[in-house]
């Protein structure tokens, strides 16, 4: 019995049969054939552009917070992941009022350093549950509420990714500087 087709990959130590990703397969009268198992996508590479990362899963984790209304993760063909986050106006404005923060508009509220810290704490908490390649390295708070009539949301209030990437191209570029 050998390691036919199961040689260690680049940078992998030779661990022998039990430590390899080879698994026995019984076929025709008990003959053993060894096959290398494929690696899970998230572990295949340390770079987001080389692995399959689901932005919707990360976005949904971000939206669990009562302070986050919308989230869009960006990172396709980039060195790391960033996010555009829209705050929940009612909840964050109540939070700000309890702390005596004065503001006039949604944009004014989202620019407050205290609100940035609030959301940053939540992003850090979400990052703690994610693999290194899935973590949000930087984020920006949107200065306007997303609206269906402006072409930013679908009829079912889901984010139109391409439209937002085009509309907020400057903010996204600044997150990678």
N, C-alpha and C. Protein backbone atom coordinates (compact mmCIF):
# COMPACT_ATOMS: atom_id res chain seq x y z
N UNK A 1 0.86 -1.18 0.00
CA UNK A 1 0.00 0.00 0.00
C UNK A 1 0.91 1.23 0.00
N UNK A 2 0.69 2.14 -0.92
CA UNK A 2 1.52 3.33 -0.99
C UNK A 2 0.69 4.59 -0.93
N UNK A 3 1.34 5.68 -1.29
CA UNK A 3 0.67 6.98 -1.26
C UNK A 3 0.41 7.47 -2.68
N UNK A 4 0.03 6.59 -3.56
CA UNK A 4 -0.22 6.92 -4.94
C UNK A 4 -1.23 8.07 -5.05
N UNK A 5 -0.82 9.17 -5.63
CA UNK A 5 -1.70 10.32 -5.80
C UNK A 5 -1.93 11.09 -4.51
N UNK A 6 -1.17 10.78 -3.47
CA UNK A 6 -1.39 11.41 -2.17
C UNK A 6 -0.12 12.04 -1.63
N UNK A 7 0.76 12.42 -2.49
CA UNK A 7 1.98 13.08 -2.02
C UNK A 7 1.61 14.41 -1.37
N UNK A 8 2.38 14.82 -0.35
CA UNK A 8 2.05 16.10 0.29
C UNK A 8 2.16 17.25 -0.70
N UNK A 9 1.34 18.25 -0.51
CA UNK A 9 1.37 19.44 -1.36
C UNK A 9 2.54 20.33 -0.98
N UNK A 10 2.75 21.42 -1.72
CA UNK A 10 3.84 22.34 -1.42
C UNK A 10 3.71 22.89 -0.01
N UNK A 11 4.79 22.81 0.75
CA UNK A 11 4.79 23.36 2.09
C UNK A 11 4.14 22.46 3.13
N UNK A 12 3.64 21.28 2.74
CA UNK A 12 3.01 20.36 3.67
C UNK A 12 4.03 19.32 4.12
N UNK A 13 4.09 19.02 5.41
CA UNK A 13 5.01 17.97 5.86
C UNK A 13 4.50 16.60 5.43
N UNK A 14 5.40 15.67 5.27
CA UNK A 14 5.00 14.30 4.95
C UNK A 14 4.62 13.63 6.26
N UNK A 15 3.34 13.40 6.48
CA UNK A 15 2.84 12.91 7.75
C UNK A 15 2.50 11.43 7.74
N UNK A 16 2.63 10.78 6.62
CA UNK A 16 2.25 9.38 6.55
C UNK A 16 0.77 9.25 6.26
N UNK A 17 0.31 7.99 6.18
CA UNK A 17 -1.07 7.74 5.78
C UNK A 17 -2.08 8.43 6.68
N UNK A 18 -1.97 8.29 7.99
CA UNK A 18 -2.99 8.82 8.88
C UNK A 18 -2.99 10.35 8.92
N UNK A 19 -1.82 10.95 8.70
CA UNK A 19 -1.75 12.41 8.74
C UNK A 19 -1.98 13.07 7.41
N UNK A 20 -2.10 12.27 6.34
CA UNK A 20 -2.33 12.85 5.02
C UNK A 20 -3.82 13.10 4.82
N UNK A 21 -4.16 13.71 3.70
CA UNK A 21 -5.57 13.90 3.38
C UNK A 21 -6.05 12.75 2.48
N UNK A 22 -5.35 11.64 2.51
CA UNK A 22 -5.73 10.47 1.72
C UNK A 22 -6.66 9.61 2.55
N UNK A 23 -7.64 9.04 1.90
CA UNK A 23 -8.61 8.19 2.58
C UNK A 23 -8.77 6.89 1.79
N UNK A 24 -8.89 5.77 2.49
CA UNK A 24 -9.06 4.50 1.77
C UNK A 24 -10.44 4.41 1.15
N UNK A 25 -10.51 3.77 0.01
CA UNK A 25 -11.78 3.52 -0.67
C UNK A 25 -11.80 2.03 -1.01
N UNK A 26 -12.84 1.35 -0.61
CA UNK A 26 -12.97 -0.06 -0.92
C UNK A 26 -13.64 -0.20 -2.28
N UNK A 27 -13.08 -1.09 -3.08
CA UNK A 27 -13.62 -1.26 -4.42
C UNK A 27 -13.34 -2.67 -4.92
N UNK A 28 -14.31 -3.30 -5.52
CA UNK A 28 -14.16 -4.62 -6.15
C UNK A 28 -13.34 -5.60 -5.33
N UNK A 29 -13.99 -6.27 -4.42
CA UNK A 29 -13.33 -7.34 -3.67
C UNK A 29 -12.39 -6.85 -2.58
N UNK A 30 -12.50 -5.63 -2.16
CA UNK A 30 -11.71 -5.16 -1.03
C UNK A 30 -10.38 -4.54 -1.37
N UNK A 31 -10.09 -4.35 -2.64
CA UNK A 31 -8.85 -3.69 -3.01
C UNK A 31 -8.89 -2.24 -2.54
N UNK A 32 -7.81 -1.78 -1.96
CA UNK A 32 -7.78 -0.40 -1.46
C UNK A 32 -7.21 0.55 -2.51
N UNK A 33 -7.92 1.59 -2.69
CA UNK A 33 -7.46 2.68 -3.56
C UNK A 33 -7.39 3.92 -2.70
N UNK A 34 -6.33 4.65 -2.79
CA UNK A 34 -6.19 5.86 -1.99
C UNK A 34 -6.46 7.08 -2.86
N UNK A 35 -7.21 8.01 -2.29
CA UNK A 35 -7.54 9.23 -3.02
C UNK A 35 -7.30 10.43 -2.12
N UNK A 36 -6.82 11.49 -2.70
CA UNK A 36 -6.60 12.72 -1.94
C UNK A 36 -7.92 13.48 -1.86
N UNK A 37 -8.32 13.91 -0.65
CA UNK A 37 -9.54 14.69 -0.50
C UNK A 37 -9.25 16.14 -0.82
N UNK A 38 -10.22 16.80 -1.42
CA UNK A 38 -10.07 18.23 -1.73
C UNK A 38 -10.10 19.03 -0.44
N UNK A 39 -9.38 20.14 -0.44
CA UNK A 39 -9.37 21.03 0.73
C UNK A 39 -10.61 21.92 0.70
N UNK A 40 -11.11 22.29 1.85
CA UNK A 40 -12.22 23.25 1.88
C UNK A 40 -11.74 24.59 1.31
N UNK A 41 -12.61 25.30 0.61
CA UNK A 41 -12.23 26.56 -0.04
C UNK A 41 -11.64 27.58 0.91
N UNK A 42 -12.21 27.73 2.09
CA UNK A 42 -11.75 28.77 3.01
C UNK A 42 -10.32 28.51 3.47
N UNK A 43 -9.88 27.26 3.42
CA UNK A 43 -8.53 26.95 3.87
C UNK A 43 -7.55 26.84 2.71
N UNK A 44 -8.02 26.93 1.50
CA UNK A 44 -7.17 26.72 0.35
C UNK A 44 -6.12 27.81 0.18
N UNK A 45 -6.37 28.99 0.67
CA UNK A 45 -5.45 30.09 0.47
C UNK A 45 -5.59 31.10 1.58
N UNK A 46 -4.53 31.85 1.79
CA UNK A 46 -4.58 32.89 2.82
C UNK A 46 -5.05 34.21 2.23
N UNK A 47 -5.30 34.25 0.95
CA UNK A 47 -5.71 35.49 0.31
C UNK A 47 -7.17 35.40 -0.10
N UNK A 48 -7.99 36.44 0.23
CA UNK A 48 -9.41 36.40 -0.14
C UNK A 48 -9.64 36.23 -1.63
N UNK A 49 -8.75 36.77 -2.48
CA UNK A 49 -9.01 36.70 -3.90
C UNK A 49 -8.82 35.29 -4.45
N UNK A 50 -8.16 34.40 -3.67
CA UNK A 50 -7.92 33.05 -4.13
C UNK A 50 -8.86 32.03 -3.53
N UNK A 51 -9.67 32.41 -2.58
CA UNK A 51 -10.56 31.45 -1.94
C UNK A 51 -12.01 31.90 -2.09
N UNK A 52 -12.89 30.98 -1.92
CA UNK A 52 -14.31 31.27 -2.07
C UNK A 52 -14.88 31.73 -0.73
N UNK A 53 -15.11 33.00 -0.60
CA UNK A 53 -15.68 33.56 0.62
C UNK A 53 -17.06 34.09 0.28
N UNK A 54 -18.02 33.74 1.09
CA UNK A 54 -19.39 34.18 0.85
C UNK A 54 -19.65 35.51 1.55
N UNK A 55 -19.76 36.60 0.79
CA UNK A 55 -20.00 37.89 1.45
C UNK A 55 -21.35 37.94 2.16
N UNK A 56 -22.34 37.24 1.63
CA UNK A 56 -23.67 37.31 2.24
C UNK A 56 -23.66 36.74 3.66
N UNK A 57 -22.87 35.72 3.90
CA UNK A 57 -22.79 35.15 5.25
C UNK A 57 -22.21 36.17 6.23
N UNK A 58 -21.16 36.86 5.83
CA UNK A 58 -20.54 37.88 6.69
C UNK A 58 -21.49 39.06 6.86
N UNK A 59 -22.14 39.47 5.78
CA UNK A 59 -23.10 40.58 5.85
C UNK A 59 -24.24 40.26 6.82
N UNK A 60 -24.74 39.04 6.75
CA UNK A 60 -25.83 38.64 7.65
C UNK A 60 -25.39 38.65 9.10
N UNK A 61 -24.16 38.26 9.35
CA UNK A 61 -23.64 38.32 10.73
C UNK A 61 -23.56 39.77 11.21
N UNK A 62 -23.15 40.66 10.33
CA UNK A 62 -23.07 42.08 10.70
C UNK A 62 -24.46 42.65 10.99
N UNK A 63 -25.46 42.21 10.22
CA UNK A 63 -26.81 42.75 10.34
C UNK A 63 -27.58 42.21 11.55
N UNK A 64 -26.98 41.31 12.30
CA UNK A 64 -27.62 40.80 13.51
C UNK A 64 -27.71 41.92 14.56
N UNK A 65 -26.78 42.85 14.52
CA UNK A 65 -26.78 43.96 15.47
C UNK A 65 -28.00 44.86 15.26
N UNK A 66 -28.62 45.34 16.34
CA UNK A 66 -29.74 46.27 16.18
C UNK A 66 -29.28 47.64 15.64
N UNK A 67 -27.99 47.89 15.63
CA UNK A 67 -27.45 49.17 15.16
C UNK A 67 -27.10 49.16 13.68
N UNK A 68 -27.12 47.99 13.04
CA UNK A 68 -26.74 47.87 11.62
C UNK A 68 -27.97 47.51 10.80
N UNK A 69 -28.27 48.37 9.82
CA UNK A 69 -29.41 48.09 8.94
C UNK A 69 -28.96 47.36 7.68
N UNK A 70 -27.92 47.87 7.05
CA UNK A 70 -27.39 47.28 5.81
C UNK A 70 -25.89 47.10 5.93
N UNK A 71 -25.39 46.06 5.26
CA UNK A 71 -23.95 45.82 5.20
C UNK A 71 -23.62 45.23 3.84
N UNK A 72 -22.53 45.70 3.26
CA UNK A 72 -22.07 45.15 2.00
C UNK A 72 -20.57 44.91 2.10
N UNK A 73 -20.17 43.66 1.99
CA UNK A 73 -18.76 43.28 2.06
C UNK A 73 -18.18 43.32 0.65
N UNK A 74 -16.99 43.93 0.53
CA UNK A 74 -16.30 44.05 -0.75
C UNK A 74 -14.92 43.43 -0.58
N UNK A 75 -14.47 42.69 -1.58
CA UNK A 75 -13.13 42.12 -1.50
C UNK A 75 -12.75 41.29 -2.71
N UNK A 76 -13.63 41.22 -3.70
CA UNK A 76 -13.35 40.43 -4.89
C UNK A 76 -12.11 40.96 -5.59
N UNK A 77 -11.12 40.09 -5.79
CA UNK A 77 -9.85 40.42 -6.43
C UNK A 77 -9.11 41.54 -5.68
N UNK A 78 -9.24 41.56 -4.36
CA UNK A 78 -8.55 42.55 -3.51
C UNK A 78 -7.77 41.81 -2.45
N UNK A 79 -6.88 42.54 -1.77
CA UNK A 79 -6.00 41.93 -0.77
C UNK A 79 -6.73 41.54 0.51
N UNK A 80 -7.76 42.26 0.87
CA UNK A 80 -8.51 41.98 2.09
C UNK A 80 -9.94 42.45 1.94
N UNK A 81 -10.77 42.10 2.92
CA UNK A 81 -12.19 42.45 2.88
C UNK A 81 -12.45 43.77 3.59
N UNK A 82 -13.35 44.55 3.03
CA UNK A 82 -13.83 45.78 3.65
C UNK A 82 -15.36 45.74 3.62
N UNK A 83 -15.98 46.66 4.35
CA UNK A 83 -17.44 46.68 4.38
C UNK A 83 -17.96 48.10 4.34
N UNK A 84 -19.08 48.27 3.66
CA UNK A 84 -19.86 49.50 3.73
C UNK A 84 -21.05 49.16 4.63
N UNK A 85 -21.24 49.97 5.66
CA UNK A 85 -22.28 49.67 6.63
C UNK A 85 -23.23 50.84 6.76
N UNK A 86 -24.52 50.55 6.69
CA UNK A 86 -25.56 51.54 6.92
C UNK A 86 -26.14 51.32 8.30
N UNK A 87 -26.19 52.36 9.10
CA UNK A 87 -26.69 52.23 10.46
C UNK A 87 -28.22 52.21 10.48
N UNK A 88 -28.77 51.63 11.52
CA UNK A 88 -30.22 51.64 11.75
C UNK A 88 -30.53 52.98 12.40
N UNK A 89 -31.14 53.88 11.67
CA UNK A 89 -31.32 55.27 12.11
C UNK A 89 -32.05 55.39 13.45
N UNK A 90 -33.17 54.70 13.61
CA UNK A 90 -33.95 54.83 14.84
C UNK A 90 -33.19 54.34 16.07
N UNK A 91 -32.60 53.18 15.96
CA UNK A 91 -31.89 52.59 17.09
C UNK A 91 -30.65 53.40 17.47
N UNK A 92 -29.88 53.79 16.45
CA UNK A 92 -28.65 54.54 16.72
C UNK A 92 -28.99 55.95 17.22
N UNK A 93 -30.05 56.56 16.70
CA UNK A 93 -30.42 57.90 17.19
C UNK A 93 -30.89 57.83 18.64
N UNK A 94 -31.62 56.78 19.04
CA UNK A 94 -32.00 56.59 20.44
C UNK A 94 -30.76 56.41 21.30
N UNK A 95 -29.81 55.59 20.82
CA UNK A 95 -28.56 55.36 21.54
C UNK A 95 -27.80 56.68 21.72
N UNK A 96 -27.74 57.49 20.64
CA UNK A 96 -27.03 58.77 20.70
C UNK A 96 -27.73 59.75 21.65
N UNK A 97 -29.06 59.80 21.63
CA UNK A 97 -29.81 60.70 22.50
C UNK A 97 -29.58 60.35 23.97
N UNK A 98 -29.51 59.05 24.30
CA UNK A 98 -29.25 58.64 25.68
C UNK A 98 -27.87 59.06 26.15
N UNK A 99 -26.95 59.28 25.21
CA UNK A 99 -25.60 59.71 25.55
C UNK A 99 -25.40 61.21 25.37
N UNK A 100 -26.46 61.92 25.03
CA UNK A 100 -26.39 63.37 24.88
C UNK A 100 -25.66 63.84 23.63
N UNK A 101 -25.62 63.01 22.59
CA UNK A 101 -24.96 63.40 21.34
C UNK A 101 -25.95 64.17 20.46
N UNK A 102 -25.56 65.36 20.09
CA UNK A 102 -26.42 66.18 19.22
C UNK A 102 -26.11 65.86 17.76
N UNK A 103 -27.15 65.75 16.95
CA UNK A 103 -26.99 65.52 15.51
C UNK A 103 -28.23 66.05 14.81
N UNK A 104 -28.08 66.28 13.51
CA UNK A 104 -29.20 66.84 12.75
C UNK A 104 -29.73 65.88 11.69
N UNK A 105 -28.82 65.17 11.03
CA UNK A 105 -29.23 64.30 9.92
C UNK A 105 -28.63 62.91 10.09
N UNK A 106 -29.07 62.01 9.23
CA UNK A 106 -28.52 60.65 9.19
C UNK A 106 -27.01 60.71 8.94
N UNK A 107 -26.60 61.51 7.97
CA UNK A 107 -25.17 61.66 7.65
C UNK A 107 -24.38 62.21 8.83
N UNK A 108 -24.94 63.20 9.51
CA UNK A 108 -24.29 63.79 10.68
C UNK A 108 -24.11 62.72 11.76
N UNK A 109 -25.14 61.94 12.00
CA UNK A 109 -25.09 60.88 12.99
C UNK A 109 -24.04 59.83 12.64
N UNK A 110 -24.00 59.41 11.39
CA UNK A 110 -23.06 58.36 10.98
C UNK A 110 -21.60 58.84 11.01
N UNK A 111 -21.37 60.16 10.96
CA UNK A 111 -20.01 60.71 11.03
C UNK A 111 -19.51 60.89 12.46
N UNK A 112 -20.36 60.75 13.45
CA UNK A 112 -19.96 60.93 14.85
C UNK A 112 -18.92 59.88 15.24
N UNK A 113 -17.81 60.29 15.87
CA UNK A 113 -16.80 59.32 16.30
C UNK A 113 -17.36 58.26 17.26
N UNK A 114 -18.32 58.65 18.08
CA UNK A 114 -18.91 57.70 19.02
C UNK A 114 -19.68 56.61 18.29
N UNK A 115 -20.35 56.97 17.21
CA UNK A 115 -21.09 55.99 16.40
C UNK A 115 -20.09 55.08 15.67
N UNK A 116 -19.01 55.68 15.18
CA UNK A 116 -17.95 54.89 14.54
C UNK A 116 -17.41 53.84 15.52
N UNK A 117 -17.19 54.25 16.78
CA UNK A 117 -16.70 53.33 17.81
C UNK A 117 -17.72 52.23 18.11
N UNK A 118 -18.99 52.60 18.18
CA UNK A 118 -20.05 51.63 18.43
C UNK A 118 -20.03 50.53 17.37
N UNK A 119 -20.00 50.94 16.11
CA UNK A 119 -20.02 49.97 15.01
C UNK A 119 -18.69 49.21 14.93
N UNK A 120 -17.59 49.88 15.22
CA UNK A 120 -16.28 49.23 15.21
C UNK A 120 -16.24 48.09 16.23
N UNK A 121 -16.82 48.33 17.39
CA UNK A 121 -16.89 47.28 18.41
C UNK A 121 -17.65 46.08 17.92
N UNK A 122 -18.76 46.33 17.20
CA UNK A 122 -19.55 45.23 16.66
C UNK A 122 -18.79 44.48 15.58
N UNK A 123 -18.11 45.21 14.69
CA UNK A 123 -17.32 44.58 13.63
C UNK A 123 -16.23 43.70 14.26
N UNK A 124 -15.58 44.19 15.30
CA UNK A 124 -14.55 43.41 15.99
C UNK A 124 -15.15 42.13 16.58
N UNK A 125 -16.34 42.23 17.13
CA UNK A 125 -17.01 41.06 17.71
C UNK A 125 -17.33 40.03 16.63
N UNK A 126 -17.84 40.48 15.51
CA UNK A 126 -18.15 39.57 14.39
C UNK A 126 -16.86 38.95 13.86
N UNK A 127 -15.79 39.75 13.74
CA UNK A 127 -14.51 39.24 13.25
C UNK A 127 -13.97 38.13 14.14
N UNK A 128 -14.27 38.19 15.43
CA UNK A 128 -13.79 37.17 16.36
C UNK A 128 -14.32 35.78 16.05
N UNK A 129 -15.44 35.69 15.36
CA UNK A 129 -16.03 34.40 15.02
C UNK A 129 -15.70 33.94 13.61
N UNK A 130 -14.90 34.71 12.88
CA UNK A 130 -14.60 34.40 11.49
C UNK A 130 -13.17 33.92 11.32
N UNK A 131 -12.91 33.19 10.24
CA UNK A 131 -11.55 32.80 9.88
C UNK A 131 -10.78 34.07 9.49
N UNK A 132 -9.46 34.02 9.60
CA UNK A 132 -8.62 35.18 9.33
C UNK A 132 -8.91 35.80 7.95
N UNK A 133 -9.07 34.97 6.92
CA UNK A 133 -9.29 35.50 5.57
C UNK A 133 -10.67 36.11 5.40
N UNK A 134 -11.59 35.82 6.33
CA UNK A 134 -12.95 36.34 6.23
C UNK A 134 -13.17 37.62 7.03
N UNK A 135 -12.17 38.05 7.79
CA UNK A 135 -12.37 39.20 8.66
C UNK A 135 -12.43 40.51 7.89
N UNK A 136 -13.21 41.44 8.42
CA UNK A 136 -13.33 42.78 7.85
C UNK A 136 -12.16 43.60 8.39
N UNK A 137 -11.29 44.05 7.51
CA UNK A 137 -10.12 44.81 7.95
C UNK A 137 -10.46 46.28 8.17
N UNK A 138 -11.30 46.84 7.31
CA UNK A 138 -11.70 48.24 7.42
C UNK A 138 -13.16 48.36 7.01
N UNK A 139 -13.81 49.41 7.48
CA UNK A 139 -15.20 49.64 7.09
C UNK A 139 -15.47 51.13 7.03
N UNK A 140 -16.54 51.48 6.35
CA UNK A 140 -17.00 52.87 6.27
C UNK A 140 -18.50 52.87 6.53
N UNK A 141 -18.95 53.88 7.25
CA UNK A 141 -20.39 54.04 7.47
C UNK A 141 -20.96 54.88 6.34
N UNK A 142 -22.07 54.43 5.79
CA UNK A 142 -22.73 55.17 4.73
C UNK A 142 -23.34 56.44 5.31
N UNK A 143 -23.28 57.51 4.57
CA UNK A 143 -23.79 58.79 5.05
C UNK A 143 -25.21 59.07 4.59
N UNK A 144 -25.81 58.08 3.94
CA UNK A 144 -27.22 58.20 3.53
C UNK A 144 -27.88 56.85 3.66
N UNK A 145 -29.18 56.89 3.94
CA UNK A 145 -29.92 55.64 4.01
C UNK A 145 -30.14 55.12 2.60
N UNK A 146 -29.98 53.83 2.43
CA UNK A 146 -30.20 53.23 1.11
C UNK A 146 -31.69 53.21 0.82
N UNK A 147 -32.03 53.43 -0.46
CA UNK A 147 -33.43 53.56 -0.84
C UNK A 147 -33.70 52.82 -2.13
N UNK A 148 -34.85 52.18 -2.19
CA UNK A 148 -35.29 51.48 -3.39
C UNK A 148 -35.47 52.45 -4.55
N UNK A 149 -36.02 53.62 -4.28
CA UNK A 149 -36.28 54.61 -5.34
C UNK A 149 -35.01 55.16 -5.96
N UNK A 150 -33.90 55.11 -5.21
CA UNK A 150 -32.62 55.57 -5.76
C UNK A 150 -31.86 54.47 -6.48
N UNK A 151 -32.46 53.27 -6.57
CA UNK A 151 -31.82 52.16 -7.28
C UNK A 151 -30.77 51.44 -6.46
N UNK A 152 -30.76 51.64 -5.15
CA UNK A 152 -29.75 51.02 -4.30
C UNK A 152 -30.24 49.70 -3.70
N UNK A 153 -31.55 49.51 -3.65
CA UNK A 153 -32.15 48.31 -3.10
C UNK A 153 -33.13 47.72 -4.09
N UNK A 154 -33.31 46.41 -4.02
CA UNK A 154 -34.31 45.75 -4.87
C UNK A 154 -35.69 45.99 -4.27
N UNK A 155 -36.72 45.51 -4.95
CA UNK A 155 -38.09 45.66 -4.44
C UNK A 155 -38.28 44.93 -3.12
N UNK A 156 -37.47 43.89 -2.89
CA UNK A 156 -37.55 43.15 -1.62
C UNK A 156 -36.53 43.67 -0.60
N UNK A 157 -36.00 44.86 -0.87
CA UNK A 157 -35.07 45.57 0.02
C UNK A 157 -33.74 44.87 0.23
N UNK A 158 -33.26 44.18 -0.79
CA UNK A 158 -31.92 43.61 -0.77
C UNK A 158 -30.98 44.57 -1.48
N UNK A 159 -29.73 44.58 -1.04
CA UNK A 159 -28.73 45.50 -1.60
C UNK A 159 -28.42 45.14 -3.05
N UNK A 160 -28.37 46.14 -3.91
CA UNK A 160 -27.93 45.96 -5.30
C UNK A 160 -26.42 46.20 -5.31
N UNK A 161 -25.68 45.12 -5.23
CA UNK A 161 -24.23 45.16 -5.06
C UNK A 161 -23.52 46.00 -6.13
N UNK A 162 -23.80 45.74 -7.39
CA UNK A 162 -23.11 46.47 -8.47
C UNK A 162 -23.41 47.96 -8.43
N UNK A 163 -24.66 48.29 -8.18
CA UNK A 163 -25.04 49.71 -8.12
C UNK A 163 -24.31 50.41 -6.97
N UNK A 164 -24.22 49.75 -5.83
CA UNK A 164 -23.54 50.35 -4.68
C UNK A 164 -22.03 50.44 -4.90
N UNK A 165 -21.45 49.41 -5.51
CA UNK A 165 -20.01 49.46 -5.79
C UNK A 165 -19.69 50.64 -6.70
N UNK A 166 -20.56 50.90 -7.66
CA UNK A 166 -20.34 52.02 -8.57
C UNK A 166 -20.59 53.35 -7.84
N UNK A 167 -21.67 53.44 -7.10
CA UNK A 167 -22.03 54.69 -6.42
C UNK A 167 -21.03 55.06 -5.33
N UNK A 168 -20.52 54.08 -4.59
CA UNK A 168 -19.61 54.34 -3.49
C UNK A 168 -18.18 53.94 -3.82
N UNK A 169 -17.83 54.03 -5.09
CA UNK A 169 -16.49 53.64 -5.55
C UNK A 169 -15.39 54.41 -4.83
N UNK A 170 -15.59 55.70 -4.60
CA UNK A 170 -14.58 56.52 -3.92
C UNK A 170 -14.36 56.03 -2.49
N UNK A 171 -15.43 55.76 -1.76
CA UNK A 171 -15.31 55.29 -0.38
C UNK A 171 -14.61 53.92 -0.33
N UNK A 172 -14.95 53.05 -1.26
CA UNK A 172 -14.34 51.74 -1.31
C UNK A 172 -12.84 51.86 -1.59
N UNK A 173 -12.49 52.71 -2.56
CA UNK A 173 -11.08 52.92 -2.88
C UNK A 173 -10.32 53.47 -1.69
N UNK A 174 -10.91 54.38 -0.93
CA UNK A 174 -10.26 54.95 0.26
C UNK A 174 -10.01 53.90 1.33
N UNK A 175 -10.86 52.87 1.39
CA UNK A 175 -10.67 51.81 2.37
C UNK A 175 -9.45 50.95 2.05
N UNK A 176 -9.02 50.98 0.80
CA UNK A 176 -7.85 50.19 0.39
C UNK A 176 -6.58 51.03 0.31
N UNK A 177 -6.63 52.27 0.73
CA UNK A 177 -5.43 53.13 0.70
C UNK A 177 -4.67 52.98 1.98
